[in-house]
């Protein structure tokens, strides 16, 4: 089945595009391919990109508060949860106080701009 369009990128609003690109570049191992005052992009060299757009008035979501939903989040798969947790914390992530205990297999963090993301156990 062919679609109307091809997926190109996901864009996250943030107060500092370069800093958030550096965070996600270190997290997933993709290269920073573009940096400007109001935009930064990372890519693995393929057609899909993760981009960061300047939003000076950015207010991070307050998950799991339904009045301020997360709207979107990034899931990444890791082979060693304990090692990955230590590494993302060293990059500036914060472990979220709310962890959906009934789900298991993932841990919720906030990136340096406050966007939720999950480390998901590959095993």
PDB file of N, CA and C in Angstrom:
ATOM      1  N   UNK A   1       0.845  -1.171   0.000  1.00  0.00           N
ATOM      2  CA  UNK A   1       0.000   0.000   0.000  1.00  0.00           C
ATOM      3  C   UNK A   1       0.891   1.235   0.000  1.00  0.00           C
ATOM      4  N   UNK A   2       0.581   2.168  -0.825  1.00  0.00           N
ATOM      5  CA  UNK A   2       1.377   3.382  -0.874  1.00  0.00           C
ATOM      6  C   UNK A   2       0.620   4.512  -0.199  1.00  0.00           C
ATOM      7  N   UNK A   3       1.370   5.336   0.501  1.00  0.00           N
ATOM      8  CA  UNK A   3       0.760   6.444   1.209  1.00  0.00           C
ATOM      9  C   UNK A   3       0.793   7.722   0.400  1.00  0.00           C
ATOM     10  N   UNK A   4       0.228   8.726   0.942  1.00  0.00           N
ATOM     11  CA  UNK A   4       0.213  10.046   0.319  1.00  0.00           C
ATOM     12  C   UNK A   4       1.600  10.671   0.383  1.00  0.00           C
ATOM     13  N   UNK A   5       2.318  10.386   1.477  1.00  0.00           N
ATOM     14  CA  UNK A   5       3.622  11.016   1.703  1.00  0.00           C
ATOM     15  C   UNK A   5       4.583  10.000   2.299  1.00  0.00           C
ATOM     16  N   UNK A   6       5.845  10.378   2.400  1.00  0.00           N
ATOM     17  CA  UNK A   6       6.866   9.557   3.040  1.00  0.00           C
ATOM     18  C   UNK A   6       7.308  10.239   4.327  1.00  0.00           C
ATOM     19  N   UNK A   7       7.498   9.464   5.381  1.00  0.00           N
ATOM     20  CA  UNK A   7       7.936  10.011   6.655  1.00  0.00           C
ATOM     21  C   UNK A   7       9.333  10.590   6.497  1.00  0.00           C
ATOM     22  N   UNK A   8       9.522  11.792   6.959  1.00  0.00           N
ATOM     23  CA  UNK A   8      10.811  12.456   6.854  1.00  0.00           C
ATOM     24  C   UNK A   8      11.444  12.686   8.225  1.00  0.00           C
ATOM     25  N   UNK A   9      10.662  13.233   9.177  1.00  0.00           N
ATOM     26  CA  UNK A   9      11.249  13.554  10.464  1.00  0.00           C
ATOM     27  C   UNK A   9      10.188  13.702  11.538  1.00  0.00           C
ATOM     28  N   UNK A  10      10.656  13.624  12.762  1.00  0.00           N
ATOM     29  CA  UNK A  10       9.875  14.002  13.934  1.00  0.00           C
ATOM     30  C   UNK A  10      10.612  15.183  14.535  1.00  0.00           C
ATOM     31  N   UNK A  11       9.856  16.207  14.908  1.00  0.00           N
ATOM     32  CA  UNK A  11      10.443  17.451  15.413  1.00  0.00           C
ATOM     33  C   UNK A  11       9.974  17.679  16.848  1.00  0.00           C
ATOM     34  N   UNK A  12      10.925  17.924  17.742  1.00  0.00           N
ATOM     35  CA  UNK A  12      10.609  18.243  19.133  1.00  0.00           C
ATOM     36  C   UNK A  12      10.895  19.712  19.392  1.00  0.00           C
ATOM     37  N   UNK A  13       9.929  20.421  19.954  1.00  0.00           N
ATOM     38  CA  UNK A  13      10.169  21.795  20.398  1.00  0.00           C
ATOM     39  C   UNK A  13      11.048  21.764  21.641  1.00  0.00           C
ATOM     40  N   UNK A  14      11.902  22.769  21.783  1.00  0.00           N
ATOM     41  CA  UNK A  14      12.791  22.814  22.937  1.00  0.00           C
ATOM     42  C   UNK A  14      13.404  24.208  23.063  1.00  0.00           C
ATOM     43  N   UNK A  15      13.976  24.522  24.225  1.00  0.00           N
ATOM     44  CA  UNK A  15      14.598  25.829  24.391  1.00  0.00           C
ATOM     45  C   UNK A  15      16.014  25.927  23.809  1.00  0.00           C
ATOM     46  N   UNK A  16      16.675  24.782  23.547  1.00  0.00           N
ATOM     47  CA  UNK A  16      18.051  24.785  23.051  1.00  0.00           C
ATOM     48  C   UNK A  16      18.242  23.625  22.065  1.00  0.00           C
ATOM     49  N   UNK A  17      17.986  23.863  20.772  1.00  0.00           N
ATOM     50  CA  UNK A  17      18.058  22.774  19.786  1.00  0.00           C
ATOM     51  C   UNK A  17      19.408  22.057  19.747  1.00  0.00           C
ATOM     52  N   UNK A  18      20.498  22.784  19.810  1.00  0.00           N
ATOM     53  CA  UNK A  18      21.824  22.152  19.744  1.00  0.00           C
ATOM     54  C   UNK A  18      22.048  21.224  20.934  1.00  0.00           C
ATOM     55  N   UNK A  19      21.699  21.681  22.127  1.00  0.00           N
ATOM     56  CA  UNK A  19      21.896  20.861  23.323  1.00  0.00           C
ATOM     57  C   UNK A  19      21.051  19.593  23.268  1.00  0.00           C
ATOM     58  N   UNK A  20      19.807  19.711  22.815  1.00  0.00           N
ATOM     59  CA  UNK A  20      18.959  18.522  22.756  1.00  0.00           C
ATOM     60  C   UNK A  20      19.417  17.584  21.642  1.00  0.00           C
ATOM     61  N   UNK A  21      19.917  18.121  20.541  1.00  0.00           N
ATOM     62  CA  UNK A  21      20.491  17.276  19.479  1.00  0.00           C
ATOM     63  C   UNK A  21      21.697  16.510  20.021  1.00  0.00           C
ATOM     64  N   UNK A  22      22.520  17.156  20.806  1.00  0.00           N
ATOM     65  CA  UNK A  22      23.683  16.489  21.395  1.00  0.00           C
ATOM     66  C   UNK A  22      23.242  15.363  22.330  1.00  0.00           C
ATOM     67  N   UNK A  23      22.200  15.602  23.111  1.00  0.00           N
ATOM     68  CA  UNK A  23      21.681  14.578  24.019  1.00  0.00           C
ATOM     69  C   UNK A  23      21.216  13.351  23.230  1.00  0.00           C
ATOM     70  N   UNK A  24      20.339  13.567  22.244  1.00  0.00           N
ATOM     71  CA  UNK A  24      19.807  12.433  21.484  1.00  0.00           C
ATOM     72  C   UNK A  24      20.862  11.796  20.592  1.00  0.00           C
ATOM     73  N   UNK A  25      21.825  12.561  20.113  1.00  0.00           N
ATOM     74  CA  UNK A  25      22.926  11.998  19.344  1.00  0.00           C
ATOM     75  C   UNK A  25      23.702  10.997  20.192  1.00  0.00           C
ATOM     76  N   UNK A  26      23.978  11.377  21.434  1.00  0.00           N
ATOM     77  CA  UNK A  26      24.682  10.474  22.344  1.00  0.00           C
ATOM     78  C   UNK A  26      23.802   9.285  22.732  1.00  0.00           C
ATOM     79  N   UNK A  27      22.501   9.510  22.857  1.00  0.00           N
ATOM     80  CA  UNK A  27      21.584   8.445  23.250  1.00  0.00           C
ATOM     81  C   UNK A  27      21.483   7.363  22.192  1.00  0.00           C
ATOM     82  N   UNK A  28      21.281   7.742  20.927  1.00  0.00           N
ATOM     83  CA  UNK A  28      21.039   6.740  19.882  1.00  0.00           C
ATOM     84  C   UNK A  28      22.218   6.526  18.929  1.00  0.00           C
ATOM     85  N   UNK A  29      23.289   7.312  19.081  1.00  0.00           N
ATOM     86  CA  UNK A  29      24.467   7.119  18.246  1.00  0.00           C
ATOM     87  C   UNK A  29      24.349   7.690  16.847  1.00  0.00           C
ATOM     88  N   UNK A  30      23.384   8.581  16.610  1.00  0.00           N
ATOM     89  CA  UNK A  30      23.246   9.216  15.305  1.00  0.00           C
ATOM     90  C   UNK A  30      24.096  10.473  15.263  1.00  0.00           C
ATOM     91  N   UNK A  31      24.473  10.867  14.059  1.00  0.00           N
ATOM     92  CA  UNK A  31      25.292  12.069  13.881  1.00  0.00           C
ATOM     93  C   UNK A  31      24.409  13.319  13.820  1.00  0.00           C
ATOM     94  N   UNK A  32      24.954  14.390  14.345  1.00  0.00           N
ATOM     95  CA  UNK A  32      24.307  15.690  14.176  1.00  0.00           C
ATOM     96  C   UNK A  32      24.617  16.142  12.759  1.00  0.00           C
ATOM     97  N   UNK A  33      23.578  16.351  11.969  1.00  0.00           N
ATOM     98  CA  UNK A  33      23.765  16.682  10.556  1.00  0.00           C
ATOM     99  C   UNK A  33      23.470  18.143  10.239  1.00  0.00           C
ATOM    100  N   UNK A  34      22.839  18.835  11.166  1.00  0.00           N
ATOM    101  CA  UNK A  34      22.536  20.249  10.942  1.00  0.00           C
ATOM    102  C   UNK A  34      22.364  20.942  12.285  1.00  0.00           C
ATOM    103  N   UNK A  35      22.986  22.098  12.423  1.00  0.00           N
ATOM    104  CA  UNK A  35      22.838  22.909  13.630  1.00  0.00           C
ATOM    105  C   UNK A  35      22.732  24.363  13.221  1.00  0.00           C
ATOM    106  N   UNK A  36      21.708  25.011  13.703  1.00  0.00           N
ATOM    107  CA  UNK A  36      21.529  26.441  13.512  1.00  0.00           C
ATOM    108  C   UNK A  36      21.009  27.035  14.801  1.00  0.00           C
ATOM    109  N   UNK A  37      20.735  28.311  14.778  1.00  0.00           N
ATOM    110  CA  UNK A  37      20.229  28.968  15.986  1.00  0.00           C
ATOM    111  C   UNK A  37      18.891  28.396  16.430  1.00  0.00           C
ATOM    112  N   UNK A  38      18.018  28.100  15.467  1.00  0.00           N
ATOM    113  CA  UNK A  38      16.667  27.695  15.826  1.00  0.00           C
ATOM    114  C   UNK A  38      16.315  26.271  15.394  1.00  0.00           C
ATOM    115  N   UNK A  39      17.321  25.483  14.977  1.00  0.00           N
ATOM    116  CA  UNK A  39      17.037  24.138  14.466  1.00  0.00           C
ATOM    117  C   UNK A  39      18.273  23.269  14.562  1.00  0.00           C
ATOM    118  N   UNK A  40      18.081  22.003  14.864  1.00  0.00           N
ATOM    119  CA  UNK A  40      19.167  21.017  14.810  1.00  0.00           C
ATOM    120  C   UNK A  40      18.555  19.691  14.370  1.00  0.00           C
ATOM    121  N   UNK A  41      19.357  18.882  13.689  1.00  0.00           N
ATOM    122  CA  UNK A  41      18.900  17.603  13.149  1.00  0.00           C
ATOM    123  C   UNK A  41      19.936  16.533  13.445  1.00  0.00           C
ATOM    124  N   UNK A  42      19.447  15.326  13.776  1.00  0.00           N
ATOM    125  CA  UNK A  42      20.319  14.157  13.856  1.00  0.00           C
ATOM    126  C   UNK A  42      19.766  13.098  12.911  1.00  0.00           C
ATOM    127  N   UNK A  43      20.676  12.235  12.421  1.00  0.00           N
ATOM    128  CA  UNK A  43      20.275  11.197  11.471  1.00  0.00           C
ATOM    129  C   UNK A  43      21.281  10.055  11.510  1.00  0.00           C
ATOM    130  N   UNK A  44      20.808   8.876  11.142  1.00  0.00           N
ATOM    131  CA  UNK A  44      21.714   7.731  10.999  1.00  0.00           C
ATOM    132  C   UNK A  44      22.198   7.602   9.564  1.00  0.00           C
ATOM    133  N   UNK A  45      21.911   8.606   8.738  1.00  0.00           N
ATOM    134  CA  UNK A  45      22.301   8.584   7.339  1.00  0.00           C
ATOM    135  C   UNK A  45      21.179   8.130   6.421  1.00  0.00           C
ATOM    136  N   UNK A  46      20.096   7.659   7.014  1.00  0.00           N
ATOM    137  CA  UNK A  46      18.944   7.241   6.225  1.00  0.00           C
ATOM    138  C   UNK A  46      18.024   8.417   5.930  1.00  0.00           C
ATOM    139  N   UNK A  47      16.829   8.098   5.531  1.00  0.00           N
ATOM    140  CA  UNK A  47      15.884   9.136   5.147  1.00  0.00           C
ATOM    141  C   UNK A  47      15.146   9.752   6.329  1.00  0.00           C
ATOM    142  N   UNK A  48      15.158   9.099   7.488  1.00  0.00           N
ATOM    143  CA  UNK A  48      14.423   9.598   8.645  1.00  0.00           C
ATOM    144  C   UNK A  48      15.343  10.441   9.530  1.00  0.00           C
ATOM    145  N   UNK A  49      14.804  11.530  10.067  1.00  0.00           N
ATOM    146  CA  UNK A  49      15.563  12.440  10.911  1.00  0.00           C
ATOM    147  C   UNK A  49      14.804  12.737  12.198  1.00  0.00           C
ATOM    148  N   UNK A  50      15.550  13.011  13.245  1.00  0.00           N
ATOM    149  CA  UNK A  50      14.990  13.526  14.490  1.00  0.00           C
ATOM    150  C   UNK A  50      15.486  14.953  14.601  1.00  0.00           C
ATOM    151  N   UNK A  51      14.544  15.894  14.709  1.00  0.00           N
ATOM    152  CA  UNK A  51      14.878  17.314  14.653  1.00  0.00           C
ATOM    153  C   UNK A  51      14.426  18.025  15.918  1.00  0.00           C
ATOM    154  N   UNK A  52      15.057  19.157  16.164  1.00  0.00           N
ATOM    155  CA  UNK A  52      14.808  19.931  17.369  1.00  0.00           C
ATOM    156  C   UNK A  52      14.650  21.386  16.962  1.00  0.00           C
ATOM    157  N   UNK A  53      13.509  21.954  17.329  1.00  0.00           N
ATOM    158  CA  UNK A  53      13.149  23.302  16.895  1.00  0.00           C
ATOM    159  C   UNK A  53      13.091  24.238  18.096  1.00  0.00           C
ATOM    160  N   UNK A  54      13.661  25.415  17.946  1.00  0.00           N
ATOM    161  CA  UNK A  54      13.658  26.402  19.015  1.00  0.00           C
ATOM    162  C   UNK A  54      12.231  26.826  19.354  1.00  0.00           C
ATOM    163  N   UNK A  55      11.900  26.731  20.624  1.00  0.00           N
ATOM    164  CA  UNK A  55      10.632  27.220  21.162  1.00  0.00           C
ATOM    165  C   UNK A  55      10.983  27.936  22.463  1.00  0.00           C
ATOM    166  N   UNK A  56      11.269  29.243  22.386  1.00  0.00           N
ATOM    167  CA  UNK A  56      11.727  29.969  23.576  1.00  0.00           C
ATOM    168  C   UNK A  56      10.770  29.866  24.760  1.00  0.00           C
ATOM    169  N   UNK A  57       9.490  29.693  24.489  1.00  0.00           N
ATOM    170  CA  UNK A  57       8.504  29.591  25.566  1.00  0.00           C
ATOM    171  C   UNK A  57       8.131  28.139  25.870  1.00  0.00           C
ATOM    172  N   UNK A  58       8.993  27.200  25.477  1.00  0.00           N
ATOM    173  CA  UNK A  58       8.722  25.771  25.673  1.00  0.00           C
ATOM    174  C   UNK A  58       8.405  25.461  27.132  1.00  0.00           C
ATOM    175  N   UNK A  59       7.317  24.741  27.319  1.00  0.00           N
ATOM    176  CA  UNK A  59       6.948  24.229  28.629  1.00  0.00           C
ATOM    177  C   UNK A  59       6.811  22.718  28.489  1.00  0.00           C
ATOM    178  N   UNK A  60       7.631  21.968  29.207  1.00  0.00           N
ATOM    179  CA  UNK A  60       7.557  20.518  29.067  1.00  0.00           C
ATOM    180  C   UNK A  60       6.224  19.972  29.574  1.00  0.00           C
ATOM    181  N   UNK A  61       5.816  18.812  29.063  1.00  0.00           N
ATOM    182  CA  UNK A  61       4.584  18.197  29.548  1.00  0.00           C
ATOM    183  C   UNK A  61       4.727  17.783  31.003  1.00  0.00           C
ATOM    184  N   UNK A  62       3.605  17.629  31.655  1.00  0.00           N
ATOM    185  CA  UNK A  62       3.595  17.180  33.054  1.00  0.00           C
ATOM    186  C   UNK A  62       2.912  15.824  33.077  1.00  0.00           C
ATOM    187  N   UNK A  63       3.626  14.815  32.626  1.00  0.00           N
ATOM    188  CA  UNK A  63       3.086  13.466  32.556  1.00  0.00           C
ATOM    189  C   UNK A  63       3.191  12.817  33.922  1.00  0.00           C
ATOM    190  N   UNK A  64       2.231  12.081  34.390  1.00  0.00           N
ATOM    191  CA  UNK A  64       1.027  11.589  33.725  1.00  0.00           C
ATOM    192  C   UNK A  64      -0.216  12.444  33.970  1.00  0.00           C
ATOM    193  N   UNK A  65      -0.076  13.716  34.235  1.00  0.00           N
ATOM    194  CA  UNK A  65      -1.203  14.621  34.463  1.00  0.00           C
ATOM    195  C   UNK A  65      -2.003  14.792  33.169  1.00  0.00           C
ATOM    196  N   UNK A  66      -3.274  14.355  33.136  1.00  0.00           N
ATOM    197  CA  UNK A  66      -4.057  14.460  31.902  1.00  0.00           C
ATOM    198  C   UNK A  66      -4.347  15.906  31.487  1.00  0.00           C
ATOM    199  N   UNK A  67      -4.171  16.846  32.386  1.00  0.00           N
ATOM    200  CA  UNK A  67      -4.362  18.259  32.036  1.00  0.00           C
ATOM    201  C   UNK A  67      -3.206  18.792  31.191  1.00  0.00           C
ATOM    202  N   UNK A  68      -2.044  18.140  31.269  1.00  0.00           N
ATOM    203  CA  UNK A  68      -0.842  18.536  30.532  1.00  0.00           C
ATOM    204  C   UNK A  68      -0.194  17.283  29.935  1.00  0.00           C
ATOM    205  N   UNK A  69      -0.844  16.629  28.976  1.00  0.00           N
ATOM    206  CA  UNK A  69      -0.358  15.346  28.470  1.00  0.00           C
ATOM    207  C   UNK A  69       0.971  15.456  27.732  1.00  0.00           C
ATOM    208  N   UNK A  70       1.660  14.322  27.663  1.00  0.00           N
ATOM    209  CA  UNK A  70       2.964  14.297  26.998  1.00  0.00           C
ATOM    210  C   UNK A  70       2.856  14.474  25.493  1.00  0.00           C
ATOM    211  N   UNK A  71       1.751  14.145  24.883  1.00  0.00           N
ATOM    212  CA  UNK A  71       1.471  14.287  23.465  1.00  0.00           C
ATOM    213  C   UNK A  71       2.325  13.377  22.586  1.00  0.00           C
ATOM    214  N   UNK A  72       3.583  13.213  22.873  1.00  0.00           N
ATOM    215  CA  UNK A  72       4.462  12.317  22.118  1.00  0.00           C
ATOM    216  C   UNK A  72       5.655  11.981  23.005  1.00  0.00           C
ATOM    217  N   UNK A  73       6.268  10.840  22.732  1.00  0.00           N
ATOM    218  CA  UNK A  73       7.506  10.506  23.424  1.00  0.00           C
ATOM    219  C   UNK A  73       8.329   9.572  22.550  1.00  0.00           C
ATOM    220  N   UNK A  74       9.592   9.440  22.898  1.00  0.00           N
ATOM    221  CA  UNK A  74      10.531   8.611  22.152  1.00  0.00           C
ATOM    222  C   UNK A  74      10.778   7.333  22.948  1.00  0.00           C
ATOM    223  N   UNK A  75      10.727   6.188  22.287  1.00  0.00           N
ATOM    224  CA  UNK A  75      11.104   4.902  22.880  1.00  0.00           C
ATOM    225  C   UNK A  75      12.389   4.438  22.215  1.00  0.00           C
ATOM    226  N   UNK A  76      13.357   4.025  23.020  1.00  0.00           N
ATOM    227  CA  UNK A  76      14.587   3.441  22.500  1.00  0.00           C
ATOM    228  C   UNK A  76      14.800   2.087  23.177  1.00  0.00           C
ATOM    229  N   UNK A  77      15.346   1.144  22.444  1.00  0.00           N
ATOM    230  CA  UNK A  77      15.569  -0.207  22.935  1.00  0.00           C
ATOM    231  C   UNK A  77      17.023  -0.346  23.362  1.00  0.00           C
ATOM    232  N   UNK A  78      17.238  -0.956  24.533  1.00  0.00           N
ATOM    233  CA  UNK A  78      18.600  -1.143  25.056  1.00  0.00           C
ATOM    234  C   UNK A  78      18.801  -2.596  25.472  1.00  0.00           C
ATOM    235  N   UNK A  79      20.043  -3.041  25.403  1.00  0.00           N
ATOM    236  CA  UNK A  79      20.373  -4.408  25.789  1.00  0.00           C
ATOM    237  C   UNK A  79      20.661  -4.542  27.280  1.00  0.00           C
ATOM    238  N   UNK A  80      21.144  -3.487  27.919  1.00  0.00           N
ATOM    239  CA  UNK A  80      21.497  -3.509  29.336  1.00  0.00           C
ATOM    240  C   UNK A  80      20.855  -2.302  30.012  1.00  0.00           C
ATOM    241  N   UNK A  81      19.716  -2.530  30.663  1.00  0.00           N
ATOM    242  CA  UNK A  81      18.951  -1.432  31.261  1.00  0.00           C
ATOM    243  C   UNK A  81      19.757  -0.658  32.307  1.00  0.00           C
ATOM    244  N   UNK A  82      20.457  -1.344  33.188  1.00  0.00           N
ATOM    245  CA  UNK A  82      21.198  -0.661  34.251  1.00  0.00           C
ATOM    246  C   UNK A  82      22.299   0.228  33.671  1.00  0.00           C
ATOM    247  N   UNK A  83      23.025  -0.295  32.703  1.00  0.00           N
ATOM    248  CA  UNK A  83      24.082   0.480  32.066  1.00  0.00           C
ATOM    249  C   UNK A  83      23.498   1.687  31.328  1.00  0.00           C
ATOM    250  N   UNK A  84      22.426   1.461  30.574  1.00  0.00           N
ATOM    251  CA  UNK A  84      21.799   2.548  29.811  1.00  0.00           C
ATOM    252  C   UNK A  84      21.253   3.622  30.745  1.00  0.00           C
ATOM    253  N   UNK A  85      20.664   3.210  31.858  1.00  0.00           N
ATOM    254  CA  UNK A  85      20.142   4.193  32.813  1.00  0.00           C
ATOM    255  C   UNK A  85      21.261   5.084  33.334  1.00  0.00           C
ATOM    256  N   UNK A  86      22.358   4.498  33.736  1.00  0.00           N
ATOM    257  CA  UNK A  86      23.491   5.293  34.240  1.00  0.00           C
ATOM    258  C   UNK A  86      23.998   6.252  33.162  1.00  0.00           C
ATOM    259  N   UNK A  87      24.046   5.778  31.932  1.00  0.00           N
ATOM    260  CA  UNK A  87      24.564   6.611  30.846  1.00  0.00           C
ATOM    261  C   UNK A  87      23.632   7.771  30.504  1.00  0.00           C
ATOM    262  N   UNK A  88      22.300   7.536  30.467  1.00  0.00           N
ATOM    263  CA  UNK A  88      21.398   8.648  30.146  1.00  0.00           C
ATOM    264  C   UNK A  88      21.346   9.657  31.280  1.00  0.00           C
ATOM    265  N   UNK A  89      21.465   9.192  32.509  1.00  0.00           N
ATOM    266  CA  UNK A  89      21.517  10.125  33.641  1.00  0.00           C
ATOM    267  C   UNK A  89      22.771  10.993  33.552  1.00  0.00           C
ATOM    268  N   UNK A  90      23.887  10.396  33.157  1.00  0.00           N
ATOM    269  CA  UNK A  90      25.131  11.160  32.998  1.00  0.00           C
ATOM    270  C   UNK A  90      25.016  12.186  31.863  1.00  0.00           C
ATOM    271  N   UNK A  91      24.163  11.910  30.864  1.00  0.00           N
ATOM    272  CA  UNK A  91      23.956  12.851  29.761  1.00  0.00           C
ATOM    273  C   UNK A  91      23.050  14.016  30.142  1.00  0.00           C
ATOM    274  N   UNK A  92      22.359  13.900  31.274  1.00  0.00           N
ATOM    275  CA  UNK A  92      21.465  14.974  31.707  1.00  0.00           C
ATOM    276  C   UNK A  92      20.006  14.601  31.778  1.00  0.00           C
ATOM    277  N   UNK A  93      19.673  13.342  31.510  1.00  0.00           N
ATOM    278  CA  UNK A  93      18.289  12.893  31.657  1.00  0.00           C
ATOM    279  C   UNK A  93      17.943  12.798  33.138  1.00  0.00           C
ATOM    280  N   UNK A  94      16.650  12.777  33.414  1.00  0.00           N
ATOM    281  CA  UNK A  94      16.151  12.628  34.783  1.00  0.00           C
ATOM    282  C   UNK A  94      15.168  11.466  34.779  1.00  0.00           C
ATOM    283  N   UNK A  95      15.309  10.565  35.739  1.00  0.00           N
ATOM    284  CA  UNK A  95      14.357   9.472  35.857  1.00  0.00           C
ATOM    285  C   UNK A  95      13.043  10.046  36.377  1.00  0.00           C
ATOM    286  N   UNK A  96      11.962   9.756  35.668  1.00  0.00           N
ATOM    287  CA  UNK A  96      10.655  10.294  36.053  1.00  0.00           C
ATOM    288  C   UNK A  96      10.202   9.657  37.361  1.00  0.00           C
ATOM    289  N   UNK A  97       9.560  10.450  38.213  1.00  0.00           N
ATOM    290  CA  UNK A  97       9.067   9.947  39.494  1.00  0.00           C
ATOM    291  C   UNK A  97       7.969   8.903  39.301  1.00  0.00           C
ATOM    292  N   UNK A  98       7.196   9.033  38.232  1.00  0.00           N
ATOM    293  CA  UNK A  98       6.111   8.079  37.966  1.00  0.00           C
ATOM    294  C   UNK A  98       6.602   6.991  37.020  1.00  0.00           C
ATOM    295  N   UNK A  99       6.552   5.775  37.476  1.00  0.00           N
ATOM    296  CA  UNK A  99       6.915   4.620  36.663  1.00  0.00           C
ATOM    297  C   UNK A  99       5.716   3.673  36.647  1.00  0.00           C
ATOM    298  N   UNK A 100       5.086   3.468  35.483  1.00  0.00           N
ATOM    299  CA  UNK A 100       3.920   2.586  35.423  1.00  0.00           C
ATOM    300  C   UNK A 100       4.296   1.149  35.777  1.00  0.00           C
ATOM    301  N   UNK A 101       4.169   0.796  37.043  1.00  0.00           N
ATOM    302  CA  UNK A 101       4.616  -0.498  37.555  1.00  0.00           C
ATOM    303  C   UNK A 101       3.942  -1.677  36.866  1.00  0.00           C
ATOM    304  N   UNK A 102       2.691  -1.526  36.465  1.00  0.00           N
ATOM    305  CA  UNK A 102       1.972  -2.646  35.875  1.00  0.00           C
ATOM    306  C   UNK A 102       2.489  -3.027  34.493  1.00  0.00           C
ATOM    307  N   UNK A 103       3.203  -2.147  33.851  1.00  0.00           N
ATOM    308  CA  UNK A 103       3.672  -2.420  32.486  1.00  0.00           C
ATOM    309  C   UNK A 103       4.967  -3.233  32.492  1.00  0.00           C
ATOM    310  N   UNK A 104       6.017  -2.718  33.102  1.00  0.00           N
ATOM    311  CA  UNK A 104       7.298  -3.405  33.130  1.00  0.00           C
ATOM    312  C   UNK A 104       7.997  -3.401  31.781  1.00  0.00           C
ATOM    313  N   UNK A 105       9.291  -3.696  31.784  1.00  0.00           N
ATOM    314  CA  UNK A 105      10.052  -3.768  30.543  1.00  0.00           C
ATOM    315  C   UNK A 105      10.539  -2.439  30.026  1.00  0.00           C
ATOM    316  N   UNK A 106      10.220  -1.349  30.713  1.00  0.00           N
ATOM    317  CA  UNK A 106      10.698  -0.037  30.300  1.00  0.00           C
ATOM    318  C   UNK A 106      10.778   0.883  31.516  1.00  0.00           C
ATOM    319  N   UNK A 107      11.586   1.936  31.371  1.00  0.00           N
ATOM    320  CA  UNK A 107      11.719   2.955  32.407  1.00  0.00           C
ATOM    321  C   UNK A 107      11.538   4.311  31.748  1.00  0.00           C
ATOM    322  N   UNK A 108      10.780   5.175  32.398  1.00  0.00           N
ATOM    323  CA  UNK A 108      10.473   6.499  31.857  1.00  0.00           C
ATOM    324  C   UNK A 108      11.480   7.524  32.384  1.00  0.00           C
ATOM    325  N   UNK A 109      12.014   8.324  31.464  1.00  0.00           N
ATOM    326  CA  UNK A 109      12.941   9.404  31.790  1.00  0.00           C
ATOM    327  C   UNK A 109      12.445  10.693  31.152  1.00  0.00           C
ATOM    328  N   UNK A 110      13.042  11.798  31.533  1.00  0.00           N
ATOM    329  CA  UNK A 110      12.815  13.081  30.885  1.00  0.00           C
ATOM    330  C   UNK A 110      14.127  13.531  30.281  1.00  0.00           C
ATOM    331  N   UNK A 111      14.096  13.978  29.024  1.00  0.00           N
ATOM    332  CA  UNK A 111      15.310  14.506  28.410  1.00  0.00           C
ATOM    333  C   UNK A 111      15.611  15.884  29.017  1.00  0.00           C
ATOM    334  N   UNK A 112      16.735  16.505  28.682  1.00  0.00           N
ATOM    335  CA  UNK A 112      17.075  17.790  29.286  1.00  0.00           C
ATOM    336  C   UNK A 112      16.058  18.913  29.062  1.00  0.00           C
ATOM    337  N   UNK A 113      15.183  18.782  28.055  1.00  0.00           N
ATOM    338  CA  UNK A 113      14.139  19.790  27.834  1.00  0.00           C
ATOM    339  C   UNK A 113      12.811  19.372  28.459  1.00  0.00           C
ATOM    340  N   UNK A 114      12.773  18.214  29.119  1.00  0.00           N
ATOM    341  CA  UNK A 114      11.571  17.767  29.799  1.00  0.00           C
ATOM    342  C   UNK A 114      10.659  16.843  29.014  1.00  0.00           C
ATOM    343  N   UNK A 115      11.053  16.416  27.794  1.00  0.00           N
ATOM    344  CA  UNK A 115      10.246  15.489  27.018  1.00  0.00           C
ATOM    345  C   UNK A 115      10.407  14.088  27.595  1.00  0.00           C
ATOM    346  N   UNK A 116       9.318  13.359  27.791  1.00  0.00           N
ATOM    347  CA  UNK A 116       9.435  11.981  28.243  1.00  0.00           C
ATOM    348  C   UNK A 116      10.050  11.095  27.149  1.00  0.00           C
ATOM    349  N   UNK A 117      10.866  10.149  27.588  1.00  0.00           N
ATOM    350  CA  UNK A 117      11.339   9.088  26.689  1.00  0.00           C
ATOM    351  C   UNK A 117      11.514   7.839  27.526  1.00  0.00           C
ATOM    352  N   UNK A 118      11.446   6.684  26.880  1.00  0.00           N
ATOM    353  CA  UNK A 118      11.541   5.425  27.581  1.00  0.00           C
ATOM    354  C   UNK A 118      12.733   4.607  27.106  1.00  0.00           C
ATOM    355  N   UNK A 119      13.443   4.047  28.065  1.00  0.00           N
ATOM    356  CA  UNK A 119      14.407   3.002  27.766  1.00  0.00           C
ATOM    357  C   UNK A 119      13.623   1.701  27.841  1.00  0.00           C
ATOM    358  N   UNK A 120      13.600   0.957  26.768  1.00  0.00           N
ATOM    359  CA  UNK A 120      12.853  -0.296  26.686  1.00  0.00           C
ATOM    360  C   UNK A 120      13.823  -1.467  26.637  1.00  0.00           C
ATOM    361  N   UNK A 121      13.572  -2.449  27.462  1.00  0.00           N
ATOM    362  CA  UNK A 121      14.442  -3.618  27.535  1.00  0.00           C
ATOM    363  C   UNK A 121      14.308  -4.466  26.275  1.00  0.00           C
ATOM    364  N   UNK A 122      15.426  -4.711  25.603  1.00  0.00           N
ATOM    365  CA  UNK A 122      15.420  -5.500  24.366  1.00  0.00           C
ATOM    366  C   UNK A 122      15.190  -6.983  24.641  1.00  0.00           C
ATOM    367  N   UNK A 123      15.393  -7.388  25.859  1.00  0.00           N
ATOM    368  CA  UNK A 123      15.283  -8.822  26.188  1.00  0.00           C
ATOM    369  C   UNK A 123      13.884  -9.235  26.547  1.00  0.00           C
TER     370      UNK A 123
END
